[in-house]
Amino acid sequence: MKKAKLPTVAELEANFDKEAAWAEANYGPHVRGRITGRGRPRKGVEIEPTVPHSIRIQPSLWGAVKVIAKNLGISTNAAFQIAVSEWAEKRKAG
């Protein structure tokens, strides 16, 4: 089995604006749902539970995501959940 080639930083940076625009259109503050909702869910609503995990992230990346999330009106955690969900969905499809 051949290992998938990981993109370089330059390739990631070249696609950043396109990916950011797509994420804004599909997951921006105008889109409501579990991941962007604030506070406790209404009584009787079933949601998938979350489990805390620890990951290592460069301070510059964390800071950038924190600023973007604040501008979108979502938490940093929600922003990372969106990013990871989208990444996993793309990997599953292709």
Foldseek 3Di string as FASTA:
>chain_A
DDDDDDDDPVVCVVCVVVVVVVCCVVPFLVDDDDLFDDDDDDPPDDDDDDDDDDDDDDPVVLVVLCVVCVVRNGHSVSSVVSVVVVVVVVVVVD
